[in-house]
């Protein structure tokens, strides 16, 4: 590797230097209140932190995004009714004072008194009702509205009381949903009730109620955060003076930046090879935490080979194609060759470690023990009358799921084609366009990954499979829908685990998706950096980080 940074790195570092100067100039000023006067920053004296990432932001508006890059911003600048404390996956009140079921179908939240937005607007139950009403009204295809499938209506009888009226009784997951990407509360005086609000309007309106406000926003380039003096949630105030997040197009440049100390924290995503190399670098610290991240292939049931909208549509043949892919994919090879053991094979829809997780695909496909079986795939296709080789268009996005995505999908292509049963047309698209295309029936089969909203098996089932879910891949199984609804309200832990297992078995038979891998959270920091927490909440908070 050349000791000199590339032009891309030099450009990024110049931007970081400028933003660091901006942060230094403004760290005592903070955000402006409603009168236009600057509010105190509330910084904790822990320095100006620089974080690097290759993630991308789809939308600053919570109603228009359902991805890790966007949520990483939102958890730091928007308030939540409930949130998981550090080190836990169980939620507790955040800007709420209390939250409880007041009947089988009514979940009542009482807000803390005298809450305000960073712009000085009062933060009341009216904002909460507005937030959830607009989520359901907008129902953006790239948004998290599918998480609110059990929400019937929201009532705000007074300024501090919110009553969520639910469709099904005893919803075991609804408190977690309030801490998920569907849960950021927004300012009704700034956000549009019927359409997504542009980031520029959100920033100009200073419509923030989390631990930080955004002072400078250059989408997918740089974001400058400053502590919010009006934050009223349960977390401690920011321990640092400011945070600058820089977005890198290339993980190799991110690696170089953290090695040289130009980035204090590199979080999502470095390649497995880079991580292994950095573990031997005395100038940085590699930190890992529990991970619920999964990677999988999605099939569009309309546009895949023999799909419902194809000229030669045939449900049995379409299923056989999906089954043959499941028979041929070699997860161990992908985990070892591409990810160097930082990911492990995944044989079902709920990852190992969560209550109710099974390995439903392991016995159904391949050699029955987790390995591939080309003969079985050939027999499956022949029995369904499928002519081979099958032409399969397979799409992936090159950076959103880390720098090794290209190697991962090149290996999948090789595995499918080496059998002689498939010819794979492998293509890639940048994430911003990819996130639009995948819900518009552009891709017959494509890559997705999932970073959980909360650590419960339901979060790997309801968003994916209930009435089509956010996948929008035209999969529909009423039996699965009914089982998902049953487990949501089952109070007996053992019975709920059985239902979760049954759901996995049924979806494994249908193969809406083919699960591939599950992985851990990884962050690389300078040796002088403290406070990076990678815990079971699966959220990355900037406030504790100092140097």
Protein backbone atom coordinates (compact mmCIF):
# COMPACT_ATOMS: atom_id res chain seq x y z
CA UNK A 1 0.00 0.00 0.00
CA UNK A 2 1.24 3.44 -0.91
CA UNK A 3 2.16 5.58 2.13
CA UNK A 4 0.51 8.59 0.46
CA UNK A 5 -3.26 9.14 0.71
CA UNK A 6 -5.25 9.16 -2.51
CA UNK A 7 -6.91 12.31 -3.86
CA UNK A 8 -10.21 11.07 -2.41
CA UNK A 9 -8.66 10.87 1.06
CA UNK A 10 -6.99 14.27 0.74
CA UNK A 11 -10.30 15.80 -0.31
CA UNK A 12 -12.11 14.17 2.60
CA UNK A 13 -9.45 15.27 5.08
CA UNK A 14 -9.64 18.84 3.79
CA UNK A 15 -13.39 18.77 4.39
CA UNK A 16 -12.85 17.34 7.86
CA UNK A 17 -10.33 20.08 8.69
CA UNK A 18 -12.79 22.75 7.62
CA UNK A 19 -15.57 21.19 9.66
CA UNK A 20 -13.29 20.83 12.67
CA UNK A 21 -12.61 24.57 12.46
CA UNK A 22 -16.35 25.17 12.17
CA UNK A 23 -16.97 22.98 15.19
CA UNK A 24 -14.30 24.81 17.15
CA UNK A 25 -15.80 28.18 16.27
CA UNK A 26 -19.33 27.14 17.13
CA UNK A 27 -18.87 24.78 20.06
CA UNK A 28 -19.76 27.50 22.52
CA UNK A 29 -22.75 28.66 20.53
CA UNK A 30 -24.89 25.60 19.91
CA UNK A 31 -28.27 25.94 18.23
CA UNK A 32 -30.54 28.92 17.99
CA UNK A 33 -33.73 29.11 20.00
CA UNK A 34 -37.06 30.44 18.70
CA UNK A 35 -35.97 34.04 19.27
CA UNK A 36 -32.87 33.54 17.16
CA UNK A 37 -30.54 33.76 20.14
CA UNK A 38 -27.90 31.01 20.37
CA UNK A 39 -28.48 28.41 23.04
CA UNK A 40 -25.67 27.03 25.15
CA UNK A 41 -24.11 23.98 23.53
CA UNK A 42 -24.14 21.81 26.62
CA UNK A 43 -20.95 20.05 25.45
CA UNK A 44 -19.24 17.87 28.00
CA UNK A 45 -15.65 18.88 27.21
CA UNK A 46 -14.78 15.49 25.73
CA UNK A 47 -13.36 16.93 22.53
CA UNK A 48 -14.48 17.21 18.93
CA UNK A 49 -15.07 13.66 17.68
CA UNK A 50 -14.75 12.60 14.03
CA UNK A 51 -16.58 9.45 12.92
CA UNK A 52 -16.12 7.83 9.52
CA UNK A 53 -18.59 5.54 7.77
CA UNK A 54 -19.38 4.11 4.35
CA UNK A 55 -23.09 3.94 5.20
CA UNK A 56 -25.42 6.20 3.27
CA UNK A 57 -28.44 8.24 4.37
CA UNK A 58 -31.63 7.56 2.42
CA UNK A 59 -33.68 10.24 4.17
CA UNK A 60 -33.33 12.41 7.25
CA UNK A 61 -37.12 12.25 7.58
CA UNK A 62 -37.95 9.13 9.64
CA UNK A 63 -41.04 8.46 7.51
CA UNK A 64 -38.88 8.01 4.41
CA UNK A 65 -36.14 5.65 5.52
CA UNK A 66 -35.75 2.17 6.93
CA UNK A 67 -32.00 1.61 6.76
CA UNK A 68 -29.11 1.62 9.17
CA UNK A 69 -27.38 4.67 7.67
CA UNK A 70 -30.43 6.88 8.14
CA UNK A 71 -31.33 5.46 11.54
CA UNK A 72 -27.78 6.11 12.78
CA UNK A 73 -28.50 9.81 12.29
CA UNK A 74 -32.05 9.71 13.63
CA UNK A 75 -31.25 8.02 16.96
CA UNK A 76 -28.92 10.88 17.79
CA UNK A 77 -31.15 13.82 16.85
CA UNK A 78 -34.78 12.78 17.39
CA UNK A 79 -36.50 11.89 20.68
CA UNK A 80 -38.19 8.55 21.35
CA UNK A 81 -40.96 7.66 23.77
CA UNK A 82 -39.11 4.50 24.82
CA UNK A 83 -35.49 3.46 24.47
CA UNK A 84 -33.18 0.67 25.61
CA UNK A 85 -30.66 1.75 28.26
CA UNK A 86 -26.98 1.10 27.64
CA UNK A 87 -26.13 -2.60 27.75
CA UNK A 88 -29.73 -3.80 27.48
CA UNK A 89 -32.20 -4.82 24.80
CA UNK A 90 -35.23 -4.11 27.02
CA UNK A 91 -36.87 -0.71 26.61
CA UNK A 92 -37.78 1.85 29.26
CA UNK A 93 -39.20 5.39 29.14
CA UNK A 94 -37.09 7.99 27.29
CA UNK A 95 -39.01 11.27 26.91
CA UNK A 96 -41.92 9.41 28.50
CA UNK A 97 -42.48 9.46 32.23
CA UNK A 98 -44.42 6.19 32.14
CA UNK A 99 -45.76 3.70 29.60
CA UNK A 100 -48.12 0.80 30.21
CA UNK A 101 -51.08 -1.18 28.93
CA UNK A 102 -54.23 0.35 30.38
CA UNK A 103 -56.40 -2.24 28.61
CA UNK A 104 -55.76 -5.21 26.33
CA UNK A 105 -55.67 -2.92 23.29
CA UNK A 106 -54.70 0.46 24.80
CA UNK A 107 -51.07 1.38 25.43
CA UNK A 108 -50.89 4.67 27.35
CA UNK A 109 -47.79 6.87 27.49
CA UNK A 110 -47.39 9.86 29.79
CA UNK A 111 -44.78 12.37 28.64
CA UNK A 112 -42.42 14.20 30.92
CA UNK A 113 -43.68 17.75 31.55
CA UNK A 114 -42.29 20.87 29.86
CA UNK A 115 -40.44 19.13 27.02
CA UNK A 116 -39.20 21.41 24.22
CA UNK A 117 -37.64 21.03 20.80
CA UNK A 118 -34.25 22.58 20.13
CA UNK A 119 -36.03 25.41 18.28
CA UNK A 120 -38.07 26.30 21.36
CA UNK A 121 -41.36 24.75 20.24
CA UNK A 122 -43.23 22.83 22.93
CA UNK A 123 -42.93 19.05 22.55
CA UNK A 124 -46.33 17.64 23.48
CA UNK A 125 -48.62 14.68 22.90
CA UNK A 126 -49.87 16.48 19.80
CA UNK A 127 -46.43 15.99 18.21
CA UNK A 128 -46.56 12.31 19.11
CA UNK A 129 -49.98 11.79 17.55
CA UNK A 130 -48.85 13.77 14.48
CA UNK A 131 -45.75 11.58 14.15
CA UNK A 132 -47.55 8.26 14.01
CA UNK A 133 -50.49 9.55 11.99
CA UNK A 134 -48.12 10.82 9.28
CA UNK A 135 -46.10 7.59 9.27
CA UNK A 136 -49.26 5.68 8.39
CA UNK A 137 -50.55 8.34 6.00
CA UNK A 138 -47.32 8.66 4.02
CA UNK A 139 -46.60 4.91 4.09
CA UNK A 140 -43.45 5.43 2.04
CA UNK A 141 -42.19 2.22 0.38
CA UNK A 142 -38.75 2.85 1.88
CA UNK A 143 -40.17 3.85 5.26
CA UNK A 144 -40.90 1.88 8.46
CA UNK A 145 -44.71 2.03 8.41
CA UNK A 146 -44.88 -1.79 8.24
CA UNK A 147 -43.73 -1.85 11.88
CA UNK A 148 -47.00 -0.13 12.81
CA UNK A 149 -49.25 -2.84 11.37
CA UNK A 150 -50.99 -3.33 14.73
CA UNK A 151 -51.63 0.37 15.32
CA UNK A 152 -55.27 1.33 14.80
CA UNK A 153 -55.27 4.96 15.95
CA UNK A 154 -53.59 7.45 18.29
CA UNK A 155 -55.36 9.72 20.77
CA UNK A 156 -53.93 12.75 22.61
CA UNK A 157 -56.47 13.66 25.33
CA UNK A 158 -54.15 16.24 26.92
CA UNK A 159 -50.68 17.71 26.39
CA UNK A 160 -48.81 14.91 28.18
CA UNK A 161 -50.98 11.84 27.52
CA UNK A 162 -50.90 9.61 24.44
CA UNK A 163 -53.11 6.55 24.00
CA UNK A 164 -52.21 4.06 21.27
CA UNK A 165 -55.26 2.03 20.28
CA UNK A 166 -54.09 -1.34 18.93
CA UNK A 167 -55.87 -3.75 16.61
CA UNK A 168 -54.78 -6.92 18.44
CA UNK A 169 -54.73 -7.33 22.20
CA UNK A 170 -51.65 -7.87 24.37
CA UNK A 171 -49.10 -6.89 21.73
CA UNK A 172 -45.81 -8.14 23.16
CA UNK A 173 -43.73 -6.15 20.68
CA UNK A 174 -45.35 -2.69 20.64
CA UNK A 175 -43.10 -1.15 23.33
CA UNK A 176 -40.09 -2.24 21.26
CA UNK A 177 -41.68 -0.77 18.11
CA UNK A 178 -41.75 2.62 19.85
CA UNK A 179 -37.95 2.43 20.10
CA UNK A 180 -37.53 1.36 16.45
CA UNK A 181 -37.18 3.33 13.16
CA UNK A 182 -40.95 3.88 13.36
CA UNK A 183 -40.49 5.66 16.70
CA UNK A 184 -38.59 8.97 16.23
CA UNK A 185 -40.92 11.80 17.27
CA UNK A 186 -41.00 14.82 14.94
CA UNK A 187 -42.00 18.47 15.31
CA UNK A 188 -45.47 19.04 13.80
CA UNK A 189 -44.65 22.71 13.25
CA UNK A 190 -41.82 21.79 10.85
CA UNK A 191 -42.70 18.46 9.23
CA UNK A 192 -45.22 18.07 6.39
CA UNK A 193 -48.17 15.90 7.48
CA UNK A 194 -48.70 14.32 4.05
CA UNK A 195 -45.27 14.15 2.37
CA UNK A 196 -41.62 13.64 3.21
CA UNK A 197 -39.91 16.78 4.50
CA UNK A 198 -36.59 17.71 2.82
CA UNK A 199 -33.49 17.55 4.99
CA UNK A 200 -32.77 21.23 4.37
CA UNK A 201 -36.14 22.18 5.88
CA UNK A 202 -35.58 19.95 8.92
CA UNK A 203 -32.15 21.44 9.58
CA UNK A 204 -33.31 25.01 8.94
CA UNK A 205 -36.23 24.43 11.31
CA UNK A 206 -33.86 23.07 13.99
CA UNK A 207 -36.49 20.36 14.50
CA UNK A 208 -34.43 18.18 16.82
CA UNK A 209 -35.17 16.75 20.25
CA UNK A 210 -32.47 14.11 20.70
CA UNK A 211 -29.05 14.46 22.29
CA UNK A 212 -27.78 16.48 19.33
CA UNK A 213 -28.82 19.10 16.80
CA UNK A 214 -27.44 19.15 13.27
CA UNK A 215 -25.54 22.35 12.51
CA UNK A 216 -24.23 21.43 9.05
CA UNK A 217 -25.77 18.84 6.75
CA UNK A 218 -24.22 17.81 3.44
CA UNK A 219 -26.06 14.62 2.56
CA UNK A 220 -23.75 11.62 2.38
CA UNK A 221 -20.71 13.88 2.66
CA UNK A 222 -20.50 15.40 6.14
CA UNK A 223 -22.79 16.07 9.09
CA UNK A 224 -21.80 18.29 12.01
CA UNK A 225 -23.61 17.58 15.29
CA UNK A 226 -23.64 19.76 18.40
CA UNK A 227 -25.12 18.90 21.82
CA UNK A 228 -28.80 19.79 22.25
CA UNK A 229 -29.27 21.79 25.48
CA UNK A 230 -33.02 21.06 25.39
CA UNK A 231 -32.71 17.27 25.36
CA UNK A 232 -35.21 15.81 27.83
CA UNK A 233 -34.65 12.05 27.49
CA UNK A 234 -33.20 9.54 29.92
CA UNK A 235 -29.67 9.41 28.50
CA UNK A 236 -26.81 11.50 29.87
CA UNK A 237 -25.96 14.75 28.06
CA UNK A 238 -23.27 14.56 25.38
CA UNK A 239 -19.84 14.05 26.90
CA UNK A 240 -18.11 15.53 23.83
CA UNK A 241 -18.15 19.04 22.36
CA UNK A 242 -19.19 18.09 18.83
CA UNK A 243 -19.33 15.16 16.44
CA UNK A 244 -18.51 15.28 12.74
CA UNK A 245 -19.54 12.28 10.67
CA UNK A 246 -17.76 11.92 7.34
CA UNK A 247 -19.11 9.64 4.63
CA UNK A 248 -16.53 7.67 2.69
CA UNK A 249 -17.14 6.16 -0.73
CA UNK A 250 -14.37 3.62 -0.25
CA UNK A 251 -13.65 1.51 2.82
CA UNK A 252 -9.92 1.45 2.07
CA UNK A 253 -9.88 5.25 2.47
CA UNK A 254 -11.80 4.89 5.73
CA UNK A 255 -9.23 2.39 6.98
CA UNK A 256 -6.39 4.76 6.09
CA UNK A 257 -8.11 7.69 7.79
CA UNK A 258 -8.54 5.84 11.11
CA UNK A 259 -4.97 4.54 10.96
CA UNK A 260 -3.63 8.05 10.49
CA UNK A 261 -5.79 9.48 13.26
CA UNK A 262 -7.85 11.69 10.95
CA UNK A 263 -10.94 9.72 11.98
CA UNK A 264 -11.45 8.87 15.66
CA UNK A 265 -14.00 6.11 15.05
CA UNK A 266 -14.59 3.99 11.94
CA UNK A 267 -18.01 2.38 12.12
CA UNK A 268 -19.67 0.53 9.25
CA UNK A 269 -18.16 -0.82 7.23
CA UNK A 270 -14.61 -2.07 6.86
CA UNK A 271 -13.78 -5.25 5.00
CA UNK A 272 -12.98 -8.41 6.92
CA UNK A 273 -9.43 -8.24 5.56
CA UNK A 274 -9.08 -4.65 6.78
CA UNK A 275 -10.36 -5.57 10.23
CA UNK A 276 -7.91 -8.48 10.49
CA UNK A 277 -5.08 -6.13 9.46
CA UNK A 278 -6.13 -3.41 11.92
CA UNK A 279 -6.17 -5.90 14.80
CA UNK A 280 -2.38 -5.97 14.43
CA UNK A 281 -2.03 -2.17 14.39
CA UNK A 282 -0.96 -0.75 17.77
CA UNK A 283 -2.29 2.69 16.85
CA UNK A 284 -5.93 1.61 16.82
CA UNK A 285 -8.33 -0.53 18.85
CA UNK A 286 -10.80 -2.95 17.25
CA UNK A 287 -14.01 -3.28 19.27
CA UNK A 288 -16.73 -5.86 18.66
CA UNK A 289 -20.21 -6.26 20.06
CA UNK A 290 -23.25 -8.51 19.76
CA UNK A 291 -24.65 -8.50 16.27
CA UNK A 292 -28.07 -9.24 14.90
CA UNK A 293 -27.11 -8.25 11.37
CA UNK A 294 -28.12 -10.70 8.66
CA UNK A 295 -27.51 -10.92 4.89
CA UNK A 296 -29.84 -12.59 2.43
CA UNK A 297 -31.09 -12.84 -1.17
CA UNK A 298 -34.61 -11.57 -1.92
CA UNK A 299 -36.70 -13.04 -4.73
CA UNK A 300 -39.33 -10.90 -6.42
CA UNK A 301 -42.24 -13.31 -6.84
CA UNK A 302 -43.51 -11.35 -9.88
CA UNK A 303 -40.30 -10.83 -11.88
CA UNK A 304 -38.07 -13.79 -10.96
CA UNK A 305 -37.81 -16.62 -13.52
CA UNK A 306 -41.34 -18.02 -13.97
CA UNK A 307 -42.68 -15.29 -11.67
CA UNK A 308 -46.31 -14.21 -11.66
CA UNK A 309 -45.84 -11.38 -14.18
CA UNK A 310 -43.61 -13.36 -16.57
CA UNK A 311 -44.94 -14.60 -19.93
CA UNK A 312 -44.15 -18.18 -18.86
CA UNK A 313 -45.48 -17.71 -15.31
CA UNK A 314 -45.53 -20.95 -13.36
CA UNK A 315 -45.63 -21.02 -9.54
CA UNK A 316 -44.18 -24.53 -9.24
CA UNK A 317 -41.26 -23.71 -11.54
CA UNK A 318 -40.62 -20.41 -9.75
CA UNK A 319 -40.45 -22.25 -6.42
CA UNK A 320 -38.09 -24.84 -7.92
CA UNK A 321 -35.73 -22.05 -9.03
CA UNK A 322 -35.65 -20.62 -5.51
CA UNK A 323 -35.14 -24.08 -4.04
CA UNK A 324 -32.26 -24.79 -6.41
CA UNK A 325 -30.53 -21.58 -5.34
CA UNK A 326 -30.95 -22.65 -1.71
CA UNK A 327 -29.51 -26.07 -2.59
CA UNK A 328 -26.42 -24.58 -4.25
CA UNK A 329 -25.33 -21.69 -2.06
CA UNK A 330 -22.30 -22.54 0.12
CA UNK A 331 -22.54 -20.33 3.21
CA UNK A 332 -19.40 -21.71 4.85
CA UNK A 333 -17.34 -20.77 1.81
CA UNK A 334 -18.75 -17.22 1.78
CA UNK A 335 -18.18 -16.79 5.53
CA UNK A 336 -14.58 -18.10 5.36
CA UNK A 337 -13.34 -16.84 2.01
CA UNK A 338 -15.02 -13.43 1.92
CA UNK A 339 -15.58 -12.51 5.56
CA UNK A 340 -12.74 -14.33 7.33
CA UNK A 341 -15.09 -15.58 10.04
CA UNK A 342 -16.55 -12.14 10.92
CA UNK A 343 -19.85 -13.56 9.63
CA UNK A 344 -21.20 -17.04 10.25
CA UNK A 345 -23.65 -19.17 8.22
CA UNK A 346 -27.35 -18.47 8.75
CA UNK A 347 -29.91 -21.20 8.04
CA UNK A 348 -33.13 -19.46 8.98
CA UNK A 349 -34.84 -16.10 9.29
CA UNK A 350 -34.24 -15.42 12.99
CA UNK A 351 -30.53 -15.33 13.85
CA UNK A 352 -28.93 -17.60 16.38
CA UNK A 353 -29.11 -16.29 19.94
CA UNK A 354 -32.67 -14.98 19.88
CA UNK A 355 -35.55 -16.86 21.48
CA UNK A 356 -37.36 -19.00 18.92
CA UNK A 357 -34.50 -19.17 16.41
CA UNK A 358 -34.31 -22.40 14.38
CA UNK A 359 -32.26 -23.70 11.44
CA UNK A 360 -35.24 -24.44 9.23
CA UNK A 361 -33.37 -24.34 5.91
CA UNK A 362 -30.57 -26.65 7.00
CA UNK A 363 -32.50 -29.91 6.70
CA UNK A 364 -34.65 -28.78 3.76
CA UNK A 365 -31.96 -27.74 1.30
CA UNK A 366 -28.49 -28.70 0.16
CA UNK A 367 -26.93 -31.77 1.71
CA UNK A 368 -29.12 -31.53 4.83
CA UNK A 369 -26.18 -30.49 6.99
CA UNK A 370 -25.64 -26.95 5.76
CA UNK A 371 -23.55 -27.70 2.68
CA UNK A 372 -24.48 -27.39 -1.02
CA UNK A 373 -25.79 -30.26 -3.15
CA UNK A 374 -25.77 -29.80 -6.93
CA UNK A 375 -27.43 -33.15 -7.62
CA UNK A 376 -30.36 -32.24 -5.40
CA UNK A 377 -30.70 -28.87 -7.15
CA UNK A 378 -30.69 -30.57 -10.55
CA UNK A 379 -33.36 -33.06 -9.45
CA UNK A 380 -35.54 -30.26 -8.07
CA UNK A 381 -35.42 -28.33 -11.35
CA UNK A 382 -35.96 -31.43 -13.48
CA UNK A 383 -38.97 -32.55 -11.43
CA UNK A 384 -40.59 -29.15 -11.98
CA UNK A 385 -39.88 -29.20 -15.72
CA UNK A 386 -37.44 -26.29 -15.60
CA UNK A 387 -35.03 -26.07 -18.53
CA UNK A 388 -31.43 -25.45 -17.58
CA UNK A 389 -29.35 -23.43 -17.39
CA UNK A 390 -31.75 -20.94 -15.80
CA UNK A 391 -30.98 -17.30 -16.66
CA UNK A 392 -31.03 -15.36 -13.37
CA UNK A 393 -30.58 -11.59 -13.02
CA UNK A 394 -28.96 -10.97 -9.62
CA UNK A 395 -28.42 -7.47 -8.25
CA UNK A 396 -26.30 -6.14 -5.38
CA UNK A 397 -25.20 -2.75 -4.06
CA UNK A 398 -21.44 -2.27 -3.83
CA UNK A 399 -20.91 -0.25 -0.62
CA UNK A 400 -24.07 -0.07 1.51
CA UNK A 401 -23.48 -3.54 2.99
CA UNK A 402 -19.74 -3.16 3.18
CA UNK A 403 -16.82 -3.33 0.76
CA UNK A 404 -16.91 -7.12 0.47
CA UNK A 405 -20.36 -7.22 -1.14
CA UNK A 406 -18.83 -7.51 -4.60
CA UNK A 407 -16.71 -10.48 -3.55
CA UNK A 408 -19.69 -12.06 -1.80
CA UNK A 409 -21.92 -11.91 -4.85
CA UNK A 410 -19.15 -12.87 -7.26
CA UNK A 411 -18.73 -16.04 -5.20
CA UNK A 412 -22.50 -16.69 -5.18
CA UNK A 413 -22.52 -16.28 -8.97
CA UNK A 414 -19.64 -18.75 -9.22
CA UNK A 415 -21.38 -21.26 -6.94
CA UNK A 416 -24.58 -21.14 -9.00
CA UNK A 417 -22.83 -21.31 -12.37
CA UNK A 418 -20.35 -24.04 -11.42
CA UNK A 419 -23.34 -26.36 -11.07
CA UNK A 420 -24.18 -25.86 -14.75
CA UNK A 421 -27.78 -25.12 -13.70
CA UNK A 422 -27.67 -21.30 -13.83
CA UNK A 423 -26.24 -18.48 -15.88
CA UNK A 424 -26.12 -15.43 -13.61
CA UNK A 425 -26.25 -11.87 -14.90
CA UNK A 426 -24.66 -10.05 -11.93
CA UNK A 427 -25.16 -6.29 -11.70
CA UNK A 428 -24.57 -3.58 -9.10
CA UNK A 429 -26.28 -0.26 -8.35
CA UNK A 430 -25.45 2.48 -5.84
CA UNK A 431 -27.67 2.42 -2.76
CA UNK A 432 -29.69 5.61 -3.25
CA UNK A 433 -30.99 4.33 -6.60
CA UNK A 434 -31.02 0.69 -5.44
CA UNK A 435 -33.38 1.47 -2.55
CA UNK A 436 -35.90 2.88 -5.04
CA UNK A 437 -35.51 0.21 -7.72
CA UNK A 438 -35.94 -2.78 -5.45
CA UNK A 439 -39.51 -1.75 -4.49
CA UNK A 440 -40.38 -0.97 -8.12
CA UNK A 441 -40.01 -4.55 -9.40
CA UNK A 442 -36.73 -3.74 -11.16
CA UNK A 443 -34.72 -6.63 -9.68
CA UNK A 444 -35.82 -10.30 -10.03
CA UNK A 445 -33.38 -11.35 -7.28
CA UNK A 446 -31.26 -9.05 -5.17
CA UNK A 447 -29.13 -8.53 -2.11
CA UNK A 448 -30.40 -7.08 1.15
CA UNK A 449 -29.08 -6.95 4.67
CA UNK A 450 -30.87 -6.32 7.93
CA UNK A 451 -29.68 -4.54 11.03
CA UNK A 452 -32.40 -5.08 13.64
CA UNK A 453 -34.64 -2.38 15.03
CA UNK A 454 -34.81 -4.22 18.36
CA UNK A 455 -33.60 -7.57 19.65
CA UNK A 456 -36.69 -9.73 19.39
CA UNK A 457 -37.44 -12.50 16.89
CA UNK A 458 -40.52 -10.62 15.72
CA UNK A 459 -38.28 -7.97 14.18
CA UNK A 460 -37.07 -10.57 11.68
CA UNK A 461 -40.61 -11.71 10.85
CA UNK A 462 -43.23 -8.93 10.89
CA UNK A 463 -41.29 -6.38 8.78
CA UNK A 464 -40.40 -9.03 6.19
CA UNK A 465 -43.41 -11.29 5.80
CA UNK A 466 -46.61 -9.84 7.27
CA UNK A 467 -48.77 -8.91 4.28
CA UNK A 468 -45.69 -8.49 2.11
CA UNK A 469 -43.80 -6.24 4.54
CA UNK A 470 -41.12 -3.79 3.47
CA UNK A 471 -39.63 -6.30 1.03
CA UNK A 472 -42.50 -5.52 -1.38
CA UNK A 473 -41.59 -8.71 -3.26
CA UNK A 474 -45.21 -9.90 -3.73
CA UNK A 475 -44.87 -12.76 -1.26
CA UNK A 476 -48.19 -13.46 0.44
CA UNK A 477 -49.03 -16.39 2.71
CA UNK A 478 -52.15 -15.88 4.88
CA UNK A 479 -51.12 -18.77 7.17
CA UNK A 480 -47.83 -17.01 7.88
CA UNK A 481 -49.67 -13.72 8.47
CA UNK A 482 -51.94 -15.39 11.02
CA UNK A 483 -49.05 -17.04 12.87
CA UNK A 484 -47.16 -13.76 13.01
CA UNK A 485 -50.17 -12.06 14.56
CA UNK A 486 -50.54 -14.89 17.08
CA UNK A 487 -46.94 -14.70 18.30
CA UNK A 488 -47.22 -10.92 18.68
CA UNK A 489 -49.85 -11.31 21.41
CA UNK A 490 -48.84 -14.63 22.99
CA UNK A 491 -47.85 -13.98 26.59
CA UNK A 492 -46.59 -17.52 27.30
CA UNK A 493 -42.88 -17.51 26.37
CA UNK A 494 -42.73 -21.21 25.44
CA UNK A 495 -45.84 -21.04 23.26
CA UNK A 496 -44.56 -17.90 21.57
CA UNK A 497 -41.24 -19.60 20.79
CA UNK A 498 -43.14 -22.51 19.20
CA UNK A 499 -45.09 -20.12 17.00
CA UNK A 500 -41.91 -18.34 15.96
CA UNK A 501 -40.40 -21.70 14.99
CA UNK A 502 -43.48 -22.63 12.96
CA UNK A 503 -43.31 -19.33 11.06
CA UNK A 504 -39.70 -20.00 10.12
CA UNK A 505 -40.59 -23.47 8.87
CA UNK A 506 -43.39 -22.17 6.65
CA UNK A 507 -41.35 -19.34 5.17
CA UNK A 508 -38.44 -21.74 4.61
CA UNK A 509 -40.76 -23.90 2.51
CA UNK A 510 -41.84 -20.84 0.47
CA UNK A 511 -38.37 -19.22 0.25
CA UNK A 512 -39.39 -15.59 0.11
CA UNK A 513 -35.72 -14.96 0.84
CA UNK A 514 -32.63 -17.13 1.12
CA UNK A 515 -30.80 -16.28 4.37
CA UNK A 516 -27.01 -16.38 4.03
CA UNK A 517 -25.03 -14.96 6.95
CA UNK A 518 -25.17 -13.25 10.32
CA UNK A 519 -22.48 -10.97 11.69
CA UNK A 520 -21.20 -8.90 14.60
CA UNK A 521 -20.90 -5.14 15.18
CA UNK A 522 -17.36 -3.80 14.70
CA UNK A 523 -15.88 -0.36 15.37
CA UNK A 524 -12.23 0.71 15.03
CA UNK A 525 -11.05 3.62 17.19
CA UNK A 526 -7.95 5.56 18.02
CA UNK A 527 -6.28 4.41 21.23
CA UNK A 528 -7.21 7.71 22.90
CA UNK A 529 -10.94 7.26 22.28
CA UNK A 530 -13.34 6.12 25.00
CA UNK A 531 -17.07 5.56 25.28
CA UNK A 532 -17.84 3.54 22.14
CA UNK A 533 -20.68 1.20 23.11
CA UNK A 534 -21.66 -1.73 20.89
CA UNK A 535 -24.43 -3.39 22.84
CA UNK A 536 -27.60 -5.41 22.47
CA UNK A 537 -29.67 -2.34 21.57
CA UNK A 538 -27.91 -2.42 18.15
CA UNK A 539 -27.89 1.41 18.14
CA UNK A 540 -24.81 3.60 17.88
CA UNK A 541 -24.97 6.66 20.13
CA UNK A 542 -22.40 9.42 19.78
CA UNK A 543 -22.95 11.15 23.14
CA UNK A 544 -20.69 8.94 25.34
CA UNK A 545 -17.67 9.14 22.99
CA UNK A 546 -14.72 11.21 24.18
CA UNK A 547 -11.00 11.53 23.57
